[in-house]
Amino acid sequence: MNTGKITLKINSRKVSVARGTSVASAILNCKSKLFRRSVSGEPRFPLCGMGICFECRVSINGVKHERSCQILAEEGMTIDTDG
């Protein structure tokens, strides 16, 4: 039976989210609010939510600097933040 949920890993932690959830929302839902750090070490997190500010960048399946607000979470996806 398909419950509409998928499982992925965020910072090595298994998380279940509804299908159609953006990666940014999945990260925020698991209480990990730090997405990355600026070059000076300041914590960064999503600002615009529509891919313009680039503050939501994370590594997805080993690919760095992916805009998490623009990518839907997928079954088995691995996401790494600086958090």
PDB file of N, CA and C in Angstrom:
ATOM      1  N   MET A   1       0.839  -1.184   0.000  1.00  0.00           N
ATOM      2  CA  MET A   1       0.000   0.000   0.000  1.00  0.00           C
ATOM      3  C   MET A   1       0.888   1.253   0.000  1.00  0.00           C
ATOM      4  N   ASN A   2       0.632   2.170  -0.883  1.00  0.00           N
ATOM      5  CA  ASN A   2       1.405   3.406  -1.001  1.00  0.00           C
ATOM      6  C   ASN A   2       0.789   4.467  -0.092  1.00  0.00           C
ATOM      7  N   THR A   3       1.566   4.894   0.909  1.00  0.00           N
ATOM      8  CA  THR A   3       1.050   5.871   1.876  1.00  0.00           C
ATOM      9  C   THR A   3       1.318   7.308   1.456  1.00  0.00           C
ATOM     10  N   GLY A   4       2.045   7.487   0.344  1.00  0.00           N
ATOM     11  CA  GLY A   4       2.372   8.837  -0.072  1.00  0.00           C
ATOM     12  C   GLY A   4       3.583   9.392   0.646  1.00  0.00           C
ATOM     13  N   LYS A   5       4.274   8.557   1.405  1.00  0.00           N
ATOM     14  CA  LYS A   5       5.480   8.970   2.126  1.00  0.00           C
ATOM     15  C   LYS A   5       6.712   8.393   1.441  1.00  0.00           C
ATOM     16  N   ILE A   6       7.802   9.112   1.552  1.00  0.00           N
ATOM     17  CA  ILE A   6       9.089   8.626   1.068  1.00  0.00           C
ATOM     18  C   ILE A   6      10.099   8.770   2.200  1.00  0.00           C
ATOM     19  N   THR A   7      11.171   7.987   2.116  1.00  0.00           N
ATOM     20  CA  THR A   7      12.223   8.042   3.135  1.00  0.00           C
ATOM     21  C   THR A   7      13.513   8.488   2.480  1.00  0.00           C
ATOM     22  N   LEU A   8      14.196   9.423   3.126  1.00  0.00           N
ATOM     23  CA  LEU A   8      15.479   9.911   2.646  1.00  0.00           C
ATOM     24  C   LEU A   8      16.377  10.122   3.847  1.00  0.00           C
ATOM     25  N   LYS A   9      17.642  10.441   3.599  1.00  0.00           N
ATOM     26  CA  LYS A   9      18.574  10.701   4.693  1.00  0.00           C
ATOM     27  C   LYS A   9      19.013  12.158   4.651  1.00  0.00           C
ATOM     28  N   ILE A  10      18.901  12.806   5.808  1.00  0.00           N
ATOM     29  CA  ILE A  10      19.385  14.177   5.957  1.00  0.00           C
ATOM     30  C   ILE A  10      20.453  14.140   7.044  1.00  0.00           C
ATOM     31  N   ASN A  11      21.678  14.451   6.658  1.00  0.00           N
ATOM     32  CA  ASN A  11      22.808  14.379   7.595  1.00  0.00           C
ATOM     33  C   ASN A  11      22.863  13.018   8.295  1.00  0.00           C
ATOM     34  N   SER A  12      22.740  11.954   7.496  1.00  0.00           N
ATOM     35  CA  SER A  12      22.810  10.557   7.951  1.00  0.00           C
ATOM     36  C   SER A  12      21.629  10.126   8.816  1.00  0.00           C
ATOM     37  N   ARG A  13      20.608  10.945   8.929  1.00  0.00           N
ATOM     38  CA  ARG A  13      19.417  10.618   9.723  1.00  0.00           C
ATOM     39  C   ARG A  13      18.251  10.306   8.791  1.00  0.00           C
ATOM     40  N   LYS A  14      17.615   9.136   8.983  1.00  0.00           N
ATOM     41  CA  LYS A  14      16.464   8.784   8.156  1.00  0.00           C
ATOM     42  C   LYS A  14      15.277   9.659   8.509  1.00  0.00           C
ATOM     43  N   VAL A  15      14.641  10.176   7.460  1.00  0.00           N
ATOM     44  CA  VAL A  15      13.498  11.075   7.617  1.00  0.00           C
ATOM     45  C   VAL A  15      12.421  10.652   6.632  1.00  0.00           C
ATOM     46  N   SER A  16      11.169  10.654   7.058  1.00  0.00           N
ATOM     47  CA  SER A  16      10.041  10.377   6.167  1.00  0.00           C
ATOM     48  C   SER A  16       9.286  11.677   5.926  1.00  0.00           C
ATOM     49  N   VAL A  17       8.978  11.929   4.657  1.00  0.00           N
ATOM     50  CA  VAL A  17       8.223  13.120   4.275  1.00  0.00           C
ATOM     51  C   VAL A  17       7.176  12.738   3.235  1.00  0.00           C
ATOM     52  N   ALA A  18       6.217  13.598   3.058  1.00  0.00           N
ATOM     53  CA  ALA A  18       5.184  13.365   2.045  1.00  0.00           C
ATOM     54  C   ALA A  18       5.781  13.525   0.648  1.00  0.00           C
ATOM     55  N   ARG A  19       5.312  12.731  -0.288  1.00  0.00           N
ATOM     56  CA  ARG A  19       5.708  12.909  -1.693  1.00  0.00           C
ATOM     57  C   ARG A  19       5.374  14.331  -2.110  1.00  0.00           C
ATOM     58  N   GLY A  20       6.244  14.938  -2.927  1.00  0.00           N
ATOM     59  CA  GLY A  20       6.008  16.293  -3.386  1.00  0.00           C
ATOM     60  C   GLY A  20       6.619  17.359  -2.489  1.00  0.00           C
ATOM     61  N   THR A  21       7.279  16.938  -1.401  1.00  0.00           N
ATOM     62  CA  THR A  21       7.931  17.873  -0.487  1.00  0.00           C
ATOM     63  C   THR A  21       9.259  18.320  -1.087  1.00  0.00           C
ATOM     64  N   SER A  22       9.554  19.606  -1.021  1.00  0.00           N
ATOM     65  CA  SER A  22      10.857  20.077  -1.495  1.00  0.00           C
ATOM     66  C   SER A  22      11.932  19.641  -0.501  1.00  0.00           C
ATOM     67  N   VAL A  23      13.158  19.569  -0.967  1.00  0.00           N
ATOM     68  CA  VAL A  23      14.272  19.213  -0.090  1.00  0.00           C
ATOM     69  C   VAL A  23      14.390  20.248   1.027  1.00  0.00           C
ATOM     70  N   ALA A  24      14.233  21.524   0.715  1.00  0.00           N
ATOM     71  CA  ALA A  24      14.309  22.573   1.748  1.00  0.00           C
ATOM     72  C   ALA A  24      13.268  22.340   2.839  1.00  0.00           C
ATOM     73  N   SER A  25      12.057  22.014   2.459  1.00  0.00           N
ATOM     74  CA  SER A  25      11.005  21.747   3.446  1.00  0.00           C
ATOM     75  C   SER A  25      11.321  20.515   4.272  1.00  0.00           C
ATOM     76  N   ALA A  26      11.865  19.494   3.653  1.00  0.00           N
ATOM     77  CA  ALA A  26      12.242  18.281   4.377  1.00  0.00           C
ATOM     78  C   ALA A  26      13.299  18.605   5.434  1.00  0.00           C
ATOM     79  N   ILE A  27      14.274  19.430   5.071  1.00  0.00           N
ATOM     80  CA  ILE A  27      15.321  19.822   6.017  1.00  0.00           C
ATOM     81  C   ILE A  27      14.719  20.614   7.174  1.00  0.00           C
ATOM     82  N   LEU A  28      13.869  21.569   6.867  1.00  0.00           N
ATOM     83  CA  LEU A  28      13.236  22.365   7.918  1.00  0.00           C
ATOM     84  C   LEU A  28      12.331  21.517   8.803  1.00  0.00           C
ATOM     85  N   ASN A  29      11.628  20.535   8.216  1.00  0.00           N
ATOM     86  CA  ASN A  29      10.736  19.669   8.984  1.00  0.00           C
ATOM     87  C   ASN A  29      11.477  18.798   9.981  1.00  0.00           C
ATOM     88  N   CYS A  30      12.746  18.501   9.713  1.00  0.00           N
ATOM     89  CA  CYS A  30      13.498  17.664  10.654  1.00  0.00           C
ATOM     90  C   CYS A  30      14.289  18.511  11.636  1.00  0.00           C
ATOM     91  N   LYS A  31      13.971  19.779  11.732  1.00  0.00           N
ATOM     92  CA  LYS A  31      14.544  20.716  12.709  1.00  0.00           C
ATOM     93  C   LYS A  31      16.013  21.051  12.455  1.00  0.00           C
ATOM     94  N   SER A  32      16.513  20.782  11.260  1.00  0.00           N
ATOM     95  CA  SER A  32      17.884  21.153  10.910  1.00  0.00           C
ATOM     96  C   SER A  32      17.811  22.464  10.139  1.00  0.00           C
ATOM     97  N   LYS A  33      17.994  23.570  10.820  1.00  0.00           N
ATOM     98  CA  LYS A  33      17.781  24.866  10.185  1.00  0.00           C
ATOM     99  C   LYS A  33      19.020  25.440   9.525  1.00  0.00           C
ATOM    100  N   LEU A  34      20.177  24.868   9.809  1.00  0.00           N
ATOM    101  CA  LEU A  34      21.396  25.349   9.162  1.00  0.00           C
ATOM    102  C   LEU A  34      21.578  24.584   7.856  1.00  0.00           C
ATOM    103  N   PHE A  35      21.564  25.296   6.767  1.00  0.00           N
ATOM    104  CA  PHE A  35      21.723  24.679   5.453  1.00  0.00           C
ATOM    105  C   PHE A  35      23.185  24.703   5.022  1.00  0.00           C
ATOM    106  N   ARG A  36      23.840  25.821   5.220  1.00  0.00           N
ATOM    107  CA  ARG A  36      25.240  25.958   4.827  1.00  0.00           C
ATOM    108  C   ARG A  36      25.851  27.098   5.623  1.00  0.00           C
ATOM    109  N   ARG A  37      27.141  27.316   5.416  1.00  0.00           N
ATOM    110  CA  ARG A  37      27.835  28.444   6.040  1.00  0.00           C
ATOM    111  C   ARG A  37      28.427  29.318   4.941  1.00  0.00           C
ATOM    112  N   SER A  38      28.440  30.603   5.176  1.00  0.00           N
ATOM    113  CA  SER A  38      29.054  31.531   4.220  1.00  0.00           C
ATOM    114  C   SER A  38      30.570  31.357   4.277  1.00  0.00           C
ATOM    115  N   VAL A  39      31.283  32.002   3.375  1.00  0.00           N
ATOM    116  CA  VAL A  39      32.741  31.901   3.365  1.00  0.00           C
ATOM    117  C   VAL A  39      33.344  32.440   4.659  1.00  0.00           C
ATOM    118  N   SER A  40      32.639  33.317   5.361  1.00  0.00           N
ATOM    119  CA  SER A  40      33.134  33.845   6.638  1.00  0.00           C
ATOM    120  C   SER A  40      32.640  33.022   7.834  1.00  0.00           C
ATOM    121  N   GLY A  41      31.875  31.945   7.567  1.00  0.00           N
ATOM    122  CA  GLY A  41      31.416  31.059   8.627  1.00  0.00           C
ATOM    123  C   GLY A  41      30.046  31.349   9.191  1.00  0.00           C
ATOM    124  N   GLU A  42      29.357  32.353   8.644  1.00  0.00           N
ATOM    125  CA  GLU A  42      28.021  32.696   9.127  1.00  0.00           C
ATOM    126  C   GLU A  42      27.000  31.642   8.691  1.00  0.00           C
ATOM    127  N   PRO A  43      26.060  31.271   9.579  1.00  0.00           N
ATOM    128  CA  PRO A  43      25.025  30.299   9.198  1.00  0.00           C
ATOM    129  C   PRO A  43      24.089  30.886   8.141  1.00  0.00           C
ATOM    130  N   ARG A  44      23.705  30.076   7.189  1.00  0.00           N
ATOM    131  CA  ARG A  44      22.806  30.499   6.108  1.00  0.00           C
ATOM    132  C   ARG A  44      21.628  29.538   6.040  1.00  0.00           C
ATOM    133  N   PHE A  45      20.497  30.054   5.585  1.00  0.00           N
ATOM    134  CA  PHE A  45      19.277  29.259   5.459  1.00  0.00           C
ATOM    135  C   PHE A  45      18.414  29.886   4.372  1.00  0.00           C
ATOM    136  N   PRO A  46      17.378  29.178   3.891  1.00  0.00           N
ATOM    137  CA  PRO A  46      16.566  29.711   2.799  1.00  0.00           C
ATOM    138  C   PRO A  46      15.990  31.088   3.119  1.00  0.00           C
ATOM    139  N   LEU A  47      16.049  31.936   2.137  1.00  0.00           N
ATOM    140  CA  LEU A  47      15.526  33.290   2.293  1.00  0.00           C
ATOM    141  C   LEU A  47      14.322  33.504   1.374  1.00  0.00           C
ATOM    142  N   CYS A  48      14.502  33.224   0.086  1.00  0.00           N
ATOM    143  CA  CYS A  48      13.431  33.538  -0.874  1.00  0.00           C
ATOM    144  C   CYS A  48      12.486  32.360  -1.133  1.00  0.00           C
ATOM    145  N   GLY A  49      12.988  31.140  -1.065  1.00  0.00           N
ATOM    146  CA  GLY A  49      12.152  29.968  -1.318  1.00  0.00           C
ATOM    147  C   GLY A  49      11.801  29.753  -2.769  1.00  0.00           C
ATOM    148  N   MET A  50      12.435  30.500  -3.683  1.00  0.00           N
ATOM    149  CA  MET A  50      12.127  30.321  -5.102  1.00  0.00           C
ATOM    150  C   MET A  50      13.373  30.273  -5.981  1.00  0.00           C
ATOM    151  N   GLY A  51      14.541  29.978  -5.380  1.00  0.00           N
ATOM    152  CA  GLY A  51      15.750  29.726  -6.154  1.00  0.00           C
ATOM    153  C   GLY A  51      16.560  30.934  -6.576  1.00  0.00           C
ATOM    154  N   ILE A  52      16.214  32.118  -6.096  1.00  0.00           N
ATOM    155  CA  ILE A  52      16.928  33.329  -6.506  1.00  0.00           C
ATOM    156  C   ILE A  52      18.111  33.633  -5.582  1.00  0.00           C
ATOM    157  N   CYS A  53      17.948  33.423  -4.275  1.00  0.00           N
ATOM    158  CA  CYS A  53      18.973  33.866  -3.320  1.00  0.00           C
ATOM    159  C   CYS A  53      20.144  32.884  -3.164  1.00  0.00           C
ATOM    160  N   PHE A  54      19.970  31.632  -3.512  1.00  0.00           N
ATOM    161  CA  PHE A  54      21.012  30.593  -3.428  1.00  0.00           C
ATOM    162  C   PHE A  54      21.456  30.295  -1.992  1.00  0.00           C
ATOM    163  N   GLU A  55      20.704  30.732  -0.988  1.00  0.00           N
ATOM    164  CA  GLU A  55      21.080  30.497   0.405  1.00  0.00           C
ATOM    165  C   GLU A  55      20.734  29.096   0.882  1.00  0.00           C
ATOM    166  N   CYS A  56      19.933  28.374   0.130  1.00  0.00           N
ATOM    167  CA  CYS A  56      19.477  27.039   0.540  1.00  0.00           C
ATOM    168  C   CYS A  56      20.347  25.913  -0.030  1.00  0.00           C
ATOM    169  N   ARG A  57      21.524  26.246  -0.520  1.00  0.00           N
ATOM    170  CA  ARG A  57      22.363  25.232  -1.176  1.00  0.00           C
ATOM    171  C   ARG A  57      22.837  24.157  -0.203  1.00  0.00           C
ATOM    172  N   VAL A  58      22.717  22.905  -0.638  1.00  0.00           N
ATOM    173  CA  VAL A  58      23.161  21.735   0.117  1.00  0.00           C
ATOM    174  C   VAL A  58      23.748  20.725  -0.864  1.00  0.00           C
ATOM    175  N   SER A  59      24.319  19.657  -0.334  1.00  0.00           N
ATOM    176  CA  SER A  59      24.775  18.550  -1.178  1.00  0.00           C
ATOM    177  C   SER A  59      23.660  17.523  -1.258  1.00  0.00           C
ATOM    178  N   ILE A  60      23.302  17.148  -2.477  1.00  0.00           N
ATOM    179  CA  ILE A  60      22.271  16.136  -2.699  1.00  0.00           C
ATOM    180  C   ILE A  60      22.886  15.009  -3.508  1.00  0.00           C
ATOM    181  N   ASN A  61      22.865  13.818  -2.921  1.00  0.00           N
ATOM    182  CA  ASN A  61      23.462  12.635  -3.555  1.00  0.00           C
ATOM    183  C   ASN A  61      24.899  12.909  -3.999  1.00  0.00           C
ATOM    184  N   GLY A  62      25.639  13.640  -3.167  1.00  0.00           N
ATOM    185  CA  GLY A  62      27.046  13.919  -3.435  1.00  0.00           C
ATOM    186  C   GLY A  62      27.320  15.099  -4.343  1.00  0.00           C
ATOM    187  N   VAL A  63      26.286  15.719  -4.879  1.00  0.00           N
ATOM    188  CA  VAL A  63      26.454  16.885  -5.750  1.00  0.00           C
ATOM    189  C   VAL A  63      26.313  18.146  -4.896  1.00  0.00           C
ATOM    190  N   LYS A  64      27.372  18.922  -4.810  1.00  0.00           N
ATOM    191  CA  LYS A  64      27.378  20.114  -3.968  1.00  0.00           C
ATOM    192  C   LYS A  64      26.628  21.281  -4.608  1.00  0.00           C
ATOM    193  N   HIS A  65      26.215  22.201  -3.776  1.00  0.00           N
ATOM    194  CA  HIS A  65      25.614  23.480  -4.178  1.00  0.00           C
ATOM    195  C   HIS A  65      24.288  23.346  -4.931  1.00  0.00           C
ATOM    196  N   GLU A  66      23.504  22.347  -4.578  1.00  0.00           N
ATOM    197  CA  GLU A  66      22.166  22.203  -5.171  1.00  0.00           C
ATOM    198  C   GLU A  66      21.193  23.105  -4.412  1.00  0.00           C
ATOM    199  N   ARG A  67      20.331  23.801  -5.134  1.00  0.00           N
ATOM    200  CA  ARG A  67      19.330  24.667  -4.500  1.00  0.00           C
ATOM    201  C   ARG A  67      18.174  23.805  -3.998  1.00  0.00           C
ATOM    202  N   SER A  68      18.131  23.618  -2.690  1.00  0.00           N
ATOM    203  CA  SER A  68      17.175  22.676  -2.095  1.00  0.00           C
ATOM    204  C   SER A  68      15.721  23.112  -2.232  1.00  0.00           C
ATOM    205  N   CYS A  69      15.476  24.385  -2.410  1.00  0.00           N
ATOM    206  CA  CYS A  69      14.086  24.839  -2.544  1.00  0.00           C
ATOM    207  C   CYS A  69      13.516  24.518  -3.928  1.00  0.00           C
ATOM    208  N   GLN A  70      14.371  24.163  -4.864  1.00  0.00           N
ATOM    209  CA  GLN A  70      13.937  23.902  -6.235  1.00  0.00           C
ATOM    210  C   GLN A  70      13.888  22.420  -6.586  1.00  0.00           C
ATOM    211  N   ILE A  71      14.223  21.549  -5.635  1.00  0.00           N
ATOM    212  CA  ILE A  71      14.320  20.121  -5.910  1.00  0.00           C
ATOM    213  C   ILE A  71      13.359  19.368  -5.005  1.00  0.00           C
ATOM    214  N   LEU A  72      12.572  18.470  -5.599  1.00  0.00           N
ATOM    215  CA  LEU A  72      11.658  17.647  -4.811  1.00  0.00           C
ATOM    216  C   LEU A  72      12.420  16.476  -4.200  1.00  0.00           C
ATOM    217  N   ALA A  73      12.090  16.163  -2.948  1.00  0.00           N
ATOM    218  CA  ALA A  73      12.695  15.030  -2.274  1.00  0.00           C
ATOM    219  C   ALA A  73      12.277  13.745  -2.985  1.00  0.00           C
ATOM    220  N   GLU A  74      13.210  12.810  -3.069  1.00  0.00           N
ATOM    221  CA  GLU A  74      12.957  11.525  -3.713  1.00  0.00           C
ATOM    222  C   GLU A  74      13.342  10.396  -2.782  1.00  0.00           C
ATOM    223  N   GLU A  75      12.705   9.256  -2.964  1.00  0.00           N
ATOM    224  CA  GLU A  75      13.003   8.070  -2.178  1.00  0.00           C
ATOM    225  C   GLU A  75      14.486   7.742  -2.227  1.00  0.00           C
ATOM    226  N   GLY A  76      15.099   7.543  -1.046  1.00  0.00           N
ATOM    227  CA  GLY A  76      16.504   7.153  -0.975  1.00  0.00           C
ATOM    228  C   GLY A  76      17.516   8.277  -1.145  1.00  0.00           C
ATOM    229  N   MET A  77      17.056   9.489  -1.350  1.00  0.00           N
ATOM    230  CA  MET A  77      17.957  10.635  -1.545  1.00  0.00           C
ATOM    231  C   MET A  77      18.800  10.843  -0.289  1.00  0.00           C
ATOM    232  N   THR A  78      20.052  11.275  -0.500  1.00  0.00           N
ATOM    233  CA  THR A  78      20.956  11.595   0.596  1.00  0.00           C
ATOM    234  C   THR A  78      21.289  13.083   0.541  1.00  0.00           C
ATOM    235  N   ILE A  79      21.007  13.777   1.625  1.00  0.00           N
ATOM    236  CA  ILE A  79      21.199  15.217   1.696  1.00  0.00           C
ATOM    237  C   ILE A  79      22.175  15.522   2.825  1.00  0.00           C
ATOM    238  N   ASP A  80      23.159  16.360   2.534  1.00  0.00           N
ATOM    239  CA  ASP A  80      24.113  16.791   3.550  1.00  0.00           C
ATOM    240  C   ASP A  80      24.110  18.310   3.621  1.00  0.00           C
ATOM    241  N   THR A  81      23.912  18.822   4.835  1.00  0.00           N
ATOM    242  CA  THR A  81      23.970  20.255   5.082  1.00  0.00           C
ATOM    243  C   THR A  81      25.214  20.532   5.901  1.00  0.00           C
ATOM    244  N   ASP A  82      25.450  21.781   6.223  1.00  0.00           N
ATOM    245  CA  ASP A  82      26.543  22.128   7.128  1.00  0.00           C
ATOM    246  C   ASP A  82      26.082  22.113   8.574  1.00  0.00           C
ATOM    247  N   GLY A  83      24.889  21.546   8.820  1.00  0.00           N
ATOM    248  CA  GLY A  83      24.311  21.572  10.157  1.00  0.00           C
ATOM    249  C   GLY A  83      24.641  20.366  10.983  1.00  0.00           C
TER     250      GLY A  83
END
